[in-house]
C-alpha atoms as a PDB file:
ATOM      1  CA  MET A   1     -18.566 -17.379   7.722  1.00  0.00           C
ATOM      2  CA  GLU A   2     -15.704 -14.774   6.947  1.00  0.00           C
ATOM      3  CA  ILE A   3     -16.323 -11.751   5.138  1.00  0.00           C
ATOM      4  CA  LYS A   4     -13.581 -10.196   3.302  1.00  0.00           C
ATOM      5  CA  MET A   5     -13.534  -6.058   3.177  1.00  0.00           C
ATOM      6  CA  GLY A   6     -12.054  -4.057   0.848  1.00  0.00           C
ATOM      7  CA  ARG A   7      -9.921  -5.175  -2.451  1.00  0.00           C
ATOM      8  CA  PRO A   8      -7.171  -7.531  -2.776  1.00  0.00           C
ATOM      9  CA  PRO A   9      -3.672  -6.337  -2.607  1.00  0.00           C
ATOM     10  CA  VAL A  10      -2.128  -5.540  -5.770  1.00  0.00           C
ATOM     11  CA  PRO A  11       0.660  -8.003  -6.888  1.00  0.00           C
ATOM     12  CA  THR A  12       4.194  -6.979  -6.476  1.00  0.00           C
ATOM     13  CA  HIS A  13       5.227  -6.459 -10.164  1.00  0.00           C
ATOM     14  CA  LEU A  14       2.271  -4.342 -10.651  1.00  0.00           C
ATOM     15  CA  LYS A  15       3.071  -1.852  -7.798  1.00  0.00           C
ATOM     16  CA  ARG A  16       3.716   1.794  -8.691  1.00  0.00           C
ATOM     17  CA  ASP A  17       5.185   4.074  -6.191  1.00  0.00           C
ATOM     18  CA  LYS A  18       6.287   7.106  -8.002  1.00  0.00           C
ATOM     19  CA  ARG A  19       4.168   9.780  -9.660  1.00  0.00           C
ATOM     20  CA  LEU A  20       4.672  12.146 -12.273  1.00  0.00           C
ATOM     21  CA  VAL A  21       2.645  15.087 -12.689  1.00  0.00           C
ATOM     22  CA  VAL A  22       2.241  16.951 -16.223  1.00  0.00           C
ATOM     23  CA  MET A  23       0.538  20.053 -16.511  1.00  0.00           C
ATOM     24  CA  LEU A  24      -1.789  20.326 -19.367  1.00  0.00           C
ATOM     25  CA  THR A  25      -4.626  22.638 -20.608  1.00  0.00           C
ATOM     26  CA  ASP A  26      -8.102  21.263 -20.532  1.00  0.00           C
ATOM     27  CA  SER A  27      -8.140  21.011 -24.507  1.00  0.00           C
ATOM     28  CA  GLU A  28      -5.001  19.362 -24.538  1.00  0.00           C
ATOM     29  CA  ASN A  29      -6.217  16.675 -21.799  1.00  0.00           C
ATOM     30  CA  GLU A  30      -9.120  16.303 -23.835  1.00  0.00           C
ATOM     31  CA  LEU A  31      -6.947  15.471 -26.586  1.00  0.00           C
ATOM     32  CA  LEU A  32      -4.937  12.890 -25.054  1.00  0.00           C
ATOM     33  CA  ALA A  33      -7.993  11.492 -23.148  1.00  0.00           C
ATOM     34  CA  LYS A  34      -9.437  10.917 -26.730  1.00  0.00           C
ATOM     35  CA  ALA A  35      -6.392   9.148 -27.950  1.00  0.00           C
ATOM     36  CA  ALA A  36      -6.545   7.140 -25.058  1.00  0.00           C
ATOM     37  CA  LYS A  37      -9.864   5.834 -25.383  1.00  0.00           C
ATOM     38  CA  ASP A  38      -9.473   5.193 -29.299  1.00  0.00           C
ATOM     39  CA  ALA A  39      -6.246   3.442 -28.730  1.00  0.00           C
ATOM     40  CA  GLY A  40      -8.561   1.074 -26.322  1.00  0.00           C
ATOM     41  CA  ALA A  41      -6.324   1.976 -23.242  1.00  0.00           C
ATOM     42  CA  ALA A  42      -7.951   1.349 -19.858  1.00  0.00           C
ATOM     43  CA  SER A  43      -7.123   4.865 -18.721  1.00  0.00           C
ATOM     44  CA  LEU A  44      -5.524   7.982 -19.849  1.00  0.00           C
ATOM     45  CA  SER A  45      -2.604   7.116 -17.223  1.00  0.00           C
ATOM     46  CA  ASP A  46      -2.188   3.569 -18.429  1.00  0.00           C
ATOM     47  CA  TRP A  47      -1.698   5.031 -22.020  1.00  0.00           C
ATOM     48  CA  VAL A  48       0.238   7.971 -21.234  1.00  0.00           C
ATOM     49  CA  ARG A  49       2.801   5.458 -19.380  1.00  0.00           C
ATOM     50  CA  ASP A  50       3.053   2.901 -21.748  1.00  0.00           C
ATOM     51  CA  LEU A  51       3.862   5.334 -24.574  1.00  0.00           C
ATOM     52  CA  LEU A  52       6.522   7.205 -22.302  1.00  0.00           C
ATOM     53  CA  LEU A  53       8.317   3.584 -21.565  1.00  0.00           C
ATOM     54  CA  GLU A  54       8.037   2.742 -25.039  1.00  0.00           C
ATOM     55  CA  ALA A  55       9.923   5.699 -26.359  1.00  0.00           C
ATOM     56  CA  ALA A  56      12.426   5.582 -23.411  1.00  0.00           C
ATOM     57  CA  VAL A  57      13.593   2.190 -24.660  1.00  0.00           C
ATOM     58  CA  GLN A  58      13.569   2.963 -28.123  1.00  0.00           C
ATOM     59  CA  THR A  59      15.615   6.153 -27.708  1.00  0.00           C
ATOM     60  CA  PRO A  60      19.383   5.814 -26.898  1.00  0.00           C
ATOM     61  CA  THR A  61      20.584   7.583 -23.831  1.00  0.00           C
ATOM     62  CA  GLN A  62      22.424  10.719 -25.104  1.00  0.00           C
ATOM     63  CA  SER A  63      24.886  12.739 -23.000  1.00  0.00           C
ATOM     64  CA  ARG A  64      23.565  16.641 -23.097  1.00  0.00           C
ATOM     65  CA  THR A  65      25.901  19.829 -22.588  1.00  0.00           C
ATOM     66  CA  ASN A  66      24.012  22.449 -21.285  1.00  0.00           C
END
């Protein structure tokens, strides 16, 4: 009898290898966590990721002059 240890590997199309860090206050984090929960998201990170990607697709790229 073979016993498998650990969790199965993540499918390639779901792998995420980059990290984005956003600094928040405790109250900001609580506000976002509640919004994510109310939206039915699996996690705050998933909810934020979905919103950022959606906004990036909807917003045309603009050149910026500084």
